[in-house]
C-alpha atoms as a PDB file:
ATOM      1  CA  UNK A   1      84.503  96.959  75.711  1.00  0.00           C
ATOM      2  CA  UNK A   2      84.756  93.025  74.537  1.00  0.00           C
ATOM      3  CA  UNK A   3      87.264  91.198  77.167  1.00  0.00           C
ATOM      4  CA  UNK A   4      88.712  87.732  77.002  1.00  0.00           C
ATOM      5  CA  UNK A   5      90.371  85.818  79.660  1.00  0.00           C
ATOM      6  CA  UNK A   6      92.081  82.176  79.277  1.00  0.00           C
ATOM      7  CA  UNK A   7      92.482  80.446  82.367  1.00  0.00           C
ATOM      8  CA  UNK A   8      94.587  77.002  83.278  1.00  0.00           C
ATOM      9  CA  UNK A   9      94.661  75.518  86.796  1.00  0.00           C
ATOM     10  CA  UNK A  10      92.365  78.605  87.698  1.00  0.00           C
ATOM     11  CA  UNK A  11      95.365  81.159  86.720  1.00  0.00           C
ATOM     12  CA  UNK A  12      95.246  83.966  84.459  1.00  0.00           C
ATOM     13  CA  UNK A  13      96.992  82.686  81.324  1.00  0.00           C
ATOM     14  CA  UNK A  14      96.145  85.499  79.239  1.00  0.00           C
ATOM     15  CA  UNK A  15      93.655  88.127  78.824  1.00  0.00           C
ATOM     16  CA  UNK A  16      92.622  91.162  76.145  1.00  0.00           C
ATOM     17  CA  UNK A  17      90.668  93.854  75.910  1.00  0.00           C
ATOM     18  CA  UNK A  18      89.215  95.509  72.816  1.00  0.00           C
ATOM     19  CA  UNK A  19      86.616  98.388  72.171  1.00  0.00           C
ATOM     20  CA  UNK A  20      83.750  96.342  70.905  1.00  0.00           C
ATOM     21  CA  UNK A  21      82.749  98.982  67.914  1.00  0.00           C
ATOM     22  CA  UNK A  22      79.649  98.009  65.555  1.00  0.00           C
ATOM     23  CA  UNK A  23      80.350  94.614  64.555  1.00  0.00           C
ATOM     24  CA  UNK A  24      79.938  92.383  67.776  1.00  0.00           C
ATOM     25  CA  UNK A  25      80.523  88.983  66.221  1.00  0.00           C
ATOM     26  CA  UNK A  26      83.181  89.559  64.526  1.00  0.00           C
ATOM     27  CA  UNK A  27      85.072  91.755  67.495  1.00  0.00           C
ATOM     28  CA  UNK A  28      84.505  89.055  69.982  1.00  0.00           C
ATOM     29  CA  UNK A  29      86.779  86.761  67.096  1.00  0.00           C
ATOM     30  CA  UNK A  30      89.409  89.307  67.086  1.00  0.00           C
ATOM     31  CA  UNK A  31      89.757  89.659  70.869  1.00  0.00           C
ATOM     32  CA  UNK A  32      89.878  85.827  71.157  1.00  0.00           C
ATOM     33  CA  UNK A  33      92.533  85.180  68.767  1.00  0.00           C
ATOM     34  CA  UNK A  34      94.760  87.961  70.102  1.00  0.00           C
ATOM     35  CA  UNK A  35      94.285  86.282  73.476  1.00  0.00           C
ATOM     36  CA  UNK A  36      95.193  82.906  72.121  1.00  0.00           C
ATOM     37  CA  UNK A  37      98.201  84.279  70.366  1.00  0.00           C
ATOM     38  CA  UNK A  38      99.592  86.037  73.542  1.00  0.00           C
ATOM     39  CA  UNK A  39      99.672  82.556  75.548  1.00  0.00           C
ATOM     40  CA  UNK A  40     100.517  80.223  72.378  1.00  0.00           C
ATOM     41  CA  UNK A  41      97.671  78.399  72.285  1.00  0.00           C
ATOM     42  CA  UNK A  42      95.270  77.200  69.550  1.00  0.00           C
ATOM     43  CA  UNK A  43      91.457  77.609  70.162  1.00  0.00           C
ATOM     44  CA  UNK A  44      91.075  73.610  69.704  1.00  0.00           C
ATOM     45  CA  UNK A  45      93.225  73.503  72.977  1.00  0.00           C
ATOM     46  CA  UNK A  46      90.595  75.801  74.550  1.00  0.00           C
ATOM     47  CA  UNK A  47      88.053  72.977  76.868  1.00  0.00           C
ATOM     48  CA  UNK A  48      85.420  75.278  77.094  1.00  0.00           C
ATOM     49  CA  UNK A  49      83.762  78.905  76.514  1.00  0.00           C
ATOM     50  CA  UNK A  50      81.650  80.536  78.685  1.00  0.00           C
ATOM     51  CA  UNK A  51      80.045  83.901  76.880  1.00  0.00           C
ATOM     52  CA  UNK A  52      78.508  86.738  79.512  1.00  0.00           C
ATOM     53  CA  UNK A  53      77.662  90.394  79.570  1.00  0.00           C
ATOM     54  CA  UNK A  54      75.328  92.429  76.857  1.00  0.00           C
ATOM     55  CA  UNK A  55      76.911  90.493  73.678  1.00  0.00           C
ATOM     56  CA  UNK A  56      76.657  87.171  74.927  1.00  0.00           C
ATOM     57  CA  UNK A  57      74.237  85.947  72.477  1.00  0.00           C
ATOM     58  CA  UNK A  58      76.832  87.331  69.728  1.00  0.00           C
ATOM     59  CA  UNK A  59      79.773  85.321  70.637  1.00  0.00           C
ATOM     60  CA  UNK A  60      79.417  82.273  68.032  1.00  0.00           C
ATOM     61  CA  UNK A  61      81.886  80.180  69.107  1.00  0.00           C
ATOM     62  CA  UNK A  62      80.684  79.878  72.813  1.00  0.00           C
ATOM     63  CA  UNK A  63      79.843  76.776  74.338  1.00  0.00           C
ATOM     64  CA  UNK A  64      77.348  78.518  76.996  1.00  0.00           C
ATOM     65  CA  UNK A  65      75.672  81.738  77.933  1.00  0.00           C
ATOM     66  CA  UNK A  66      75.859  82.793  81.651  1.00  0.00           C
ATOM     67  CA  UNK A  67      74.320  86.116  83.006  1.00  0.00           C
ATOM     68  CA  UNK A  68      76.917  88.983  83.588  1.00  0.00           C
ATOM     69  CA  UNK A  69      75.904  89.173  87.512  1.00  0.00           C
ATOM     70  CA  UNK A  70      77.053  85.323  88.282  1.00  0.00           C
ATOM     71  CA  UNK A  71      80.487  85.766  86.271  1.00  0.00           C
ATOM     72  CA  UNK A  72      81.014  88.880  88.082  1.00  0.00           C
ATOM     73  CA  UNK A  73      80.482  87.590  91.557  1.00  0.00           C
ATOM     74  CA  UNK A  74      82.631  84.293  90.516  1.00  0.00           C
ATOM     75  CA  UNK A  75      85.592  86.483  89.212  1.00  0.00           C
ATOM     76  CA  UNK A  76      85.455  89.231  92.294  1.00  0.00           C
ATOM     77  CA  UNK A  77      85.269  86.467  94.610  1.00  0.00           C
ATOM     78  CA  UNK A  78      88.221  84.384  93.276  1.00  0.00           C
ATOM     79  CA  UNK A  79      90.275  87.920  93.494  1.00  0.00           C
ATOM     80  CA  UNK A  80      89.137  88.705  97.127  1.00  0.00           C
ATOM     81  CA  UNK A  81      87.764  85.728  98.961  1.00  0.00           C
ATOM     82  CA  UNK A  82      86.388  87.902 101.656  1.00  0.00           C
ATOM     83  CA  UNK A  83      83.970  89.993  99.625  1.00  0.00           C
ATOM     84  CA  UNK A  84      80.592  90.690 100.315  1.00  0.00           C
ATOM     85  CA  UNK A  85      79.639  93.479  98.546  1.00  0.00           C
ATOM     86  CA  UNK A  86      81.091  93.917  94.875  1.00  0.00           C
ATOM     87  CA  UNK A  87      80.063  97.273  92.655  1.00  0.00           C
ATOM     88  CA  UNK A  88      80.698  97.202  89.082  1.00  0.00           C
ATOM     89  CA  UNK A  89      80.424 100.409  87.084  1.00  0.00           C
ATOM     90  CA  UNK A  90      80.865 100.096  83.539  1.00  0.00           C
ATOM     91  CA  UNK A  91      79.793 102.203  80.627  1.00  0.00           C
ATOM     92  CA  UNK A  92      76.513 101.128  79.987  1.00  0.00           C
ATOM     93  CA  UNK A  93      75.216 100.128  83.772  1.00  0.00           C
ATOM     94  CA  UNK A  94      76.355 100.248  87.475  1.00  0.00           C
ATOM     95  CA  UNK A  95      75.494  97.229  89.426  1.00  0.00           C
ATOM     96  CA  UNK A  96      75.915  96.160  93.138  1.00  0.00           C
ATOM     97  CA  UNK A  97      76.482  92.490  94.149  1.00  0.00           C
ATOM     98  CA  UNK A  98      75.696  90.788  97.483  1.00  0.00           C
ATOM     99  CA  UNK A  99      78.156  87.927  97.604  1.00  0.00           C
ATOM    100  CA  UNK A 100      78.348  85.147 100.402  1.00  0.00           C
ATOM    101  CA  UNK A 101      80.595  82.386 100.092  1.00  0.00           C
ATOM    102  CA  UNK A 102      81.854  83.407  96.733  1.00  0.00           C
ATOM    103  CA  UNK A 103      78.700  83.283  95.148  1.00  0.00           C
ATOM    104  CA  UNK A 104      75.514  86.017  94.195  1.00  0.00           C
ATOM    105  CA  UNK A 105      72.903  86.143  96.683  1.00  0.00           C
ATOM    106  CA  UNK A 106      71.396  89.084  95.840  1.00  0.00           C
ATOM    107  CA  UNK A 107      72.014  92.380  93.565  1.00  0.00           C
ATOM    108  CA  UNK A 108      70.838  95.926  92.684  1.00  0.00           C
ATOM    109  CA  UNK A 109      71.205  97.175  89.411  1.00  0.00           C
ATOM    110  CA  UNK A 110      70.743 100.606  87.077  1.00  0.00           C
ATOM    111  CA  UNK A 111      70.770 100.162  83.277  1.00  0.00           C
ATOM    112  CA  UNK A 112      67.998 102.494  82.548  1.00  0.00           C
ATOM    113  CA  UNK A 113      69.827 105.906  82.741  1.00  0.00           C
ATOM    114  CA  UNK A 114      73.379 106.728  81.591  1.00  0.00           C
ATOM    115  CA  UNK A 115      73.774 108.681  84.720  1.00  0.00           C
ATOM    116  CA  UNK A 116      76.310 107.040  87.477  1.00  0.00           C
ATOM    117  CA  UNK A 117      77.864 104.871  84.422  1.00  0.00           C
ATOM    118  CA  UNK A 118      81.056 105.332  82.454  1.00  0.00           C
ATOM    119  CA  UNK A 119      79.136 106.798  79.730  1.00  0.00           C
ATOM    120  CA  UNK A 120      77.921 109.556  82.000  1.00  0.00           C
ATOM    121  CA  UNK A 121      82.000 110.175  82.476  1.00  0.00           C
ATOM    122  CA  UNK A 122      82.877 109.937  79.211  1.00  0.00           C
ATOM    123  CA  UNK A 123      80.050 112.981  78.332  1.00  0.00           C
ATOM    124  CA  UNK A 124      81.350 114.685  81.050  1.00  0.00           C
ATOM    125  CA  UNK A 125      85.317 114.544  80.136  1.00  0.00           C
ATOM    126  CA  UNK A 126      84.241 115.611  76.333  1.00  0.00           C
ATOM    127  CA  UNK A 127      82.174 118.853  78.000  1.00  0.00           C
ATOM    128  CA  UNK A 128      85.357 119.626  79.670  1.00  0.00           C
ATOM    129  CA  UNK A 129      87.509 119.282  76.747  1.00  0.00           C
ATOM    130  CA  UNK A 130      89.161 116.237  78.776  1.00  0.00           C
ATOM    131  CA  UNK A 131      90.095 112.664  78.292  1.00  0.00           C
ATOM    132  CA  UNK A 132      88.152 110.384  80.394  1.00  0.00           C
ATOM    133  CA  UNK A 133      91.660 109.101  82.234  1.00  0.00           C
ATOM    134  CA  UNK A 134      92.289 112.504  83.155  1.00  0.00           C
ATOM    135  CA  UNK A 135      89.445 112.945  85.165  1.00  0.00           C
ATOM    136  CA  UNK A 136      90.717 111.325  88.199  1.00  0.00           C
ATOM    137  CA  UNK A 137      94.169 113.033  88.529  1.00  0.00           C
ATOM    138  CA  UNK A 138      92.261 116.552  88.046  1.00  0.00           C
ATOM    139  CA  UNK A 139      89.790 115.805  90.842  1.00  0.00           C
ATOM    140  CA  UNK A 140      92.724 115.223  93.258  1.00  0.00           C
ATOM    141  CA  UNK A 141      93.590 118.855  92.827  1.00  0.00           C
ATOM    142  CA  UNK A 142      89.846 120.010  93.891  1.00  0.00           C
ATOM    143  CA  UNK A 143      89.863 122.595  97.085  1.00  0.00           C
ATOM    144  CA  UNK A 144      85.979 121.856  96.975  1.00  0.00           C
ATOM    145  CA  UNK A 145      83.210 119.907  95.724  1.00  0.00           C
ATOM    146  CA  UNK A 146      80.790 121.870  93.997  1.00  0.00           C
ATOM    147  CA  UNK A 147      77.182 120.076  93.903  1.00  0.00           C
ATOM    148  CA  UNK A 148      75.790 118.360  90.766  1.00  0.00           C
ATOM    149  CA  UNK A 149      71.999 117.822  91.533  1.00  0.00           C
ATOM    150  CA  UNK A 150      70.741 116.982  87.924  1.00  0.00           C
ATOM    151  CA  UNK A 151      70.494 113.230  87.748  1.00  0.00           C
ATOM    152  CA  UNK A 152      70.243 113.538  83.856  1.00  0.00           C
ATOM    153  CA  UNK A 153      72.981 113.505  81.637  1.00  0.00           C
ATOM    154  CA  UNK A 154      71.987 115.930  79.285  1.00  0.00           C
ATOM    155  CA  UNK A 155      70.837 118.174  82.177  1.00  0.00           C
ATOM    156  CA  UNK A 156      74.103 117.522  84.171  1.00  0.00           C
ATOM    157  CA  UNK A 157      75.945 118.431  81.174  1.00  0.00           C
ATOM    158  CA  UNK A 158      74.155 121.947  81.213  1.00  0.00           C
ATOM    159  CA  UNK A 159      74.808 122.496  84.890  1.00  0.00           C
ATOM    160  CA  UNK A 160      78.568 121.797  84.182  1.00  0.00           C
ATOM    161  CA  UNK A 161      78.650 124.531  81.705  1.00  0.00           C
ATOM    162  CA  UNK A 162      76.911 126.795  83.916  1.00  0.00           C
ATOM    163  CA  UNK A 163      79.179 126.333  86.731  1.00  0.00           C
ATOM    164  CA  UNK A 164      82.117 126.849  84.563  1.00  0.00           C
ATOM    165  CA  UNK A 165      80.665 130.026  83.323  1.00  0.00           C
ATOM    166  CA  UNK A 166      80.669 131.201  86.948  1.00  0.00           C
ATOM    167  CA  UNK A 167      84.412 130.721  87.056  1.00  0.00           C
ATOM    168  CA  UNK A 168      84.157 127.564  89.236  1.00  0.00           C
ATOM    169  CA  UNK A 169      87.749 125.677  88.782  1.00  0.00           C
ATOM    170  CA  UNK A 170      87.514 122.508  86.471  1.00  0.00           C
ATOM    171  CA  UNK A 171      89.094 120.359  89.429  1.00  0.00           C
ATOM    172  CA  UNK A 172      86.117 121.248  91.766  1.00  0.00           C
ATOM    173  CA  UNK A 173      83.749 120.051  89.166  1.00  0.00           C
ATOM    174  CA  UNK A 174      85.195 117.367  88.260  1.00  0.00           C
ATOM    175  CA  UNK A 175      85.175 116.452  92.247  1.00  0.00           C
ATOM    176  CA  UNK A 176      81.633 117.543  92.246  1.00  0.00           C
ATOM    177  CA  UNK A 177      80.728 114.951  89.442  1.00  0.00           C
ATOM    178  CA  UNK A 178      82.632 111.999  91.075  1.00  0.00           C
ATOM    179  CA  UNK A 179      80.785 112.626  94.159  1.00  0.00           C
ATOM    180  CA  UNK A 180      77.631 112.436  92.144  1.00  0.00           C
ATOM    181  CA  UNK A 181      78.759 109.406  90.703  1.00  0.00           C
ATOM    182  CA  UNK A 182      79.461 107.736  93.837  1.00  0.00           C
ATOM    183  CA  UNK A 183      76.417 108.790  95.835  1.00  0.00           C
ATOM    184  CA  UNK A 184      74.030 107.391  93.366  1.00  0.00           C
ATOM    185  CA  UNK A 185      76.173 104.088  93.464  1.00  0.00           C
ATOM    186  CA  UNK A 186      76.128 104.280  97.135  1.00  0.00           C
ATOM    187  CA  UNK A 187      72.176 104.519  97.375  1.00  0.00           C
ATOM    188  CA  UNK A 188      71.892 101.810  95.022  1.00  0.00           C
ATOM    189  CA  UNK A 189      74.142  99.499  97.389  1.00  0.00           C
ATOM    190  CA  UNK A 190      72.666 100.459 100.317  1.00  0.00           C
ATOM    191  CA  UNK A 191      69.583  98.191  99.596  1.00  0.00           C
ATOM    192  CA  UNK A 192      71.906  95.386  99.820  1.00  0.00           C
ATOM    193  CA  UNK A 193      73.356  96.356 103.297  1.00  0.00           C
ATOM    194  CA  UNK A 194      77.161  97.398 102.709  1.00  0.00           C
ATOM    195  CA  UNK A 195      79.454  95.141 104.693  1.00  0.00           C
ATOM    196  CA  UNK A 196      83.439  94.801 103.857  1.00  0.00           C
ATOM    197  CA  UNK A 197      85.175  93.738 101.951  1.00  0.00           C
ATOM    198  CA  UNK A 198      83.972  95.688  99.361  1.00  0.00           C
ATOM    199  CA  UNK A 199      85.308  95.714  95.837  1.00  0.00           C
ATOM    200  CA  UNK A 200      84.904  97.814  92.908  1.00  0.00           C
ATOM    201  CA  UNK A 201      85.360  96.512  89.228  1.00  0.00           C
ATOM    202  CA  UNK A 202      84.432  98.164  85.877  1.00  0.00           C
ATOM    203  CA  UNK A 203      86.158 100.585  83.825  1.00  0.00           C
ATOM    204  CA  UNK A 204      85.111 103.345  86.250  1.00  0.00           C
ATOM    205  CA  UNK A 205      87.121 101.683  89.129  1.00  0.00           C
ATOM    206  CA  UNK A 206      90.292 102.856  87.235  1.00  0.00           C
ATOM    207  CA  UNK A 207      89.191 106.541  88.235  1.00  0.00           C
ATOM    208  CA  UNK A 208      91.274 107.308  91.204  1.00  0.00           C
ATOM    209  CA  UNK A 209      88.620 110.384  91.900  1.00  0.00           C
ATOM    210  CA  UNK A 210      85.231 107.843  91.766  1.00  0.00           C
ATOM    211  CA  UNK A 211      87.163 105.541  93.893  1.00  0.00           C
ATOM    212  CA  UNK A 212      87.732 108.021  96.882  1.00  0.00           C
ATOM    213  CA  UNK A 213      84.356 109.285  96.599  1.00  0.00           C
ATOM    214  CA  UNK A 214      82.802 106.080  96.731  1.00  0.00           C
ATOM    215  CA  UNK A 215      84.857 105.356 100.127  1.00  0.00           C
ATOM    216  CA  UNK A 216      83.452 108.614 101.175  1.00  0.00           C
ATOM    217  CA  UNK A 217      79.857 107.958 100.440  1.00  0.00           C
ATOM    218  CA  UNK A 218      80.079 104.226 101.863  1.00  0.00           C
ATOM    219  CA  UNK A 219      82.237 104.821 104.871  1.00  0.00           C
ATOM    220  CA  UNK A 220      84.640 101.951 104.224  1.00  0.00           C
ATOM    221  CA  UNK A 221      87.360 101.013 102.268  1.00  0.00           C
ATOM    222  CA  UNK A 222      86.959 100.075  98.637  1.00  0.00           C
ATOM    223  CA  UNK A 223      89.466  97.535  97.421  1.00  0.00           C
ATOM    224  CA  UNK A 224      90.046  97.388  93.223  1.00  0.00           C
ATOM    225  CA  UNK A 225      91.561  94.568  91.657  1.00  0.00           C
ATOM    226  CA  UNK A 226      95.116  95.225  89.594  1.00  0.00           C
ATOM    227  CA  UNK A 227      92.730  94.991  86.333  1.00  0.00           C
ATOM    228  CA  UNK A 228      89.446  95.823  86.939  1.00  0.00           C
ATOM    229  CA  UNK A 229      88.197  95.749  83.364  1.00  0.00           C
ATOM    230  CA  UNK A 230      88.247  91.896  83.195  1.00  0.00           C
ATOM    231  CA  UNK A 231      86.351  90.540  86.478  1.00  0.00           C
ATOM    232  CA  UNK A 232      83.558  89.555  84.575  1.00  0.00           C
ATOM    233  CA  UNK A 233      85.195  87.644  81.915  1.00  0.00           C
ATOM    234  CA  UNK A 234      87.518  85.916  84.700  1.00  0.00           C
ATOM    235  CA  UNK A 235      84.158  84.894  86.340  1.00  0.00           C
ATOM    236  CA  UNK A 236      83.023  83.266  82.995  1.00  0.00           C
ATOM    237  CA  UNK A 237      86.527  81.546  82.631  1.00  0.00           C
ATOM    238  CA  UNK A 238      86.496  80.200  86.007  1.00  0.00           C
ATOM    239  CA  UNK A 239      82.776  78.831  85.650  1.00  0.00           C
ATOM    240  CA  UNK A 240      83.925  77.303  82.131  1.00  0.00           C
ATOM    241  CA  UNK A 241      86.634  75.356  84.175  1.00  0.00           C
ATOM    242  CA  UNK A 242      84.244  74.102  86.480  1.00  0.00           C
ATOM    243  CA  UNK A 243      81.649  72.832  84.138  1.00  0.00           C
ATOM    244  CA  UNK A 244      84.629  71.069  82.425  1.00  0.00           C
ATOM    245  CA  UNK A 245      85.877  69.319  85.788  1.00  0.00           C
ATOM    246  CA  UNK A 246      82.282  68.448  86.636  1.00  0.00           C
ATOM    247  CA  UNK A 247      82.179  66.654  83.500  1.00  0.00           C
ATOM    248  CA  UNK A 248      85.525  64.844  83.910  1.00  0.00           C
ATOM    249  CA  UNK A 249      84.508  64.234  87.187  1.00  0.00           C
ATOM    250  CA  UNK A 250      81.033  62.314  86.413  1.00  0.00           C
ATOM    251  CA  UNK A 251      82.974  60.493  83.364  1.00  0.00           C
ATOM    252  CA  UNK A 252      80.520  62.480  81.021  1.00  0.00           C
ATOM    253  CA  UNK A 253      81.650  64.199  77.766  1.00  0.00           C
ATOM    254  CA  UNK A 254      82.576  67.959  78.326  1.00  0.00           C
ATOM    255  CA  UNK A 255      79.266  69.620  76.956  1.00  0.00           C
ATOM    256  CA  UNK A 256      80.690  71.488  74.107  1.00  0.00           C
ATOM    257  CA  UNK A 257      78.917  73.349  71.340  1.00  0.00           C
ATOM    258  CA  UNK A 258      79.906  72.784  67.395  1.00  0.00           C
ATOM    259  CA  UNK A 259      82.135  75.519  67.189  1.00  0.00           C
ATOM    260  CA  UNK A 260      84.907  76.934  65.120  1.00  0.00           C
ATOM    261  CA  UNK A 261      86.998  80.253  65.325  1.00  0.00           C
ATOM    262  CA  UNK A 262      86.462  82.420  62.269  1.00  0.00           C
ATOM    263  CA  UNK A 263      85.073  85.878  61.249  1.00  0.00           C
ATOM    264  CA  UNK A 264      81.261  86.093  61.521  1.00  0.00           C
ATOM    265  CA  UNK A 265      78.954  88.608  60.434  1.00  0.00           C
ATOM    266  CA  UNK A 266      75.307  89.117  61.292  1.00  0.00           C
ATOM    267  CA  UNK A 267      74.535  88.798  57.319  1.00  0.00           C
ATOM    268  CA  UNK A 268      75.577  85.376  56.145  1.00  0.00           C
END
């Protein structure tokens, strides 16, 4: 997903989220224009742009690139000042961030395998003939959790088919899958020492089944933002604001790049 957050006085003025697709640079332009349209601003009125995430180098109008770890920590801390551990499960990776006084102090990450990520759940949903947003509500109907032992997405898919052929209810299979995801992430987070407040972000945080499974595996309550998809983009916007205010406070020009907003292609 490609996300944009525009802030004013540290408050969210507008946000937009779109599927990235194959043309990262062009999509960055489109989602920025959408966010600008929602708050009635022109691009020239934006003081500073920070790009983050896997595609941060593909945002041609960005003034600076900052890693997603720093941006996620900043964004989560702005929403939940008492956060000590932030867990983010996106489409490509899962990460746990140890936060102190609103800043990142340590992290653990899984970006080598689809298991334990949003993509894993997408594959599962396709196997079950469901939409990914249906998984959460269906899992709440489970009467038991079916153990899914495979840690590989492909083998887990085969294991799911085997369980269904045994006549096991879909809800029980989905609940077991959610527990498998939560268990992997909880083990990763345990390296950082789990302490409340624990905040869960990323697209998978919209899945109530994974939220409940994560709470059971961590042994504590898990907080979820109203819009868990944009916490990294929010952090980027807040860091952009801090960079701008720091330059003004020291009577220096804001360190903007030479930029303009227009559709960009890789071959130009």
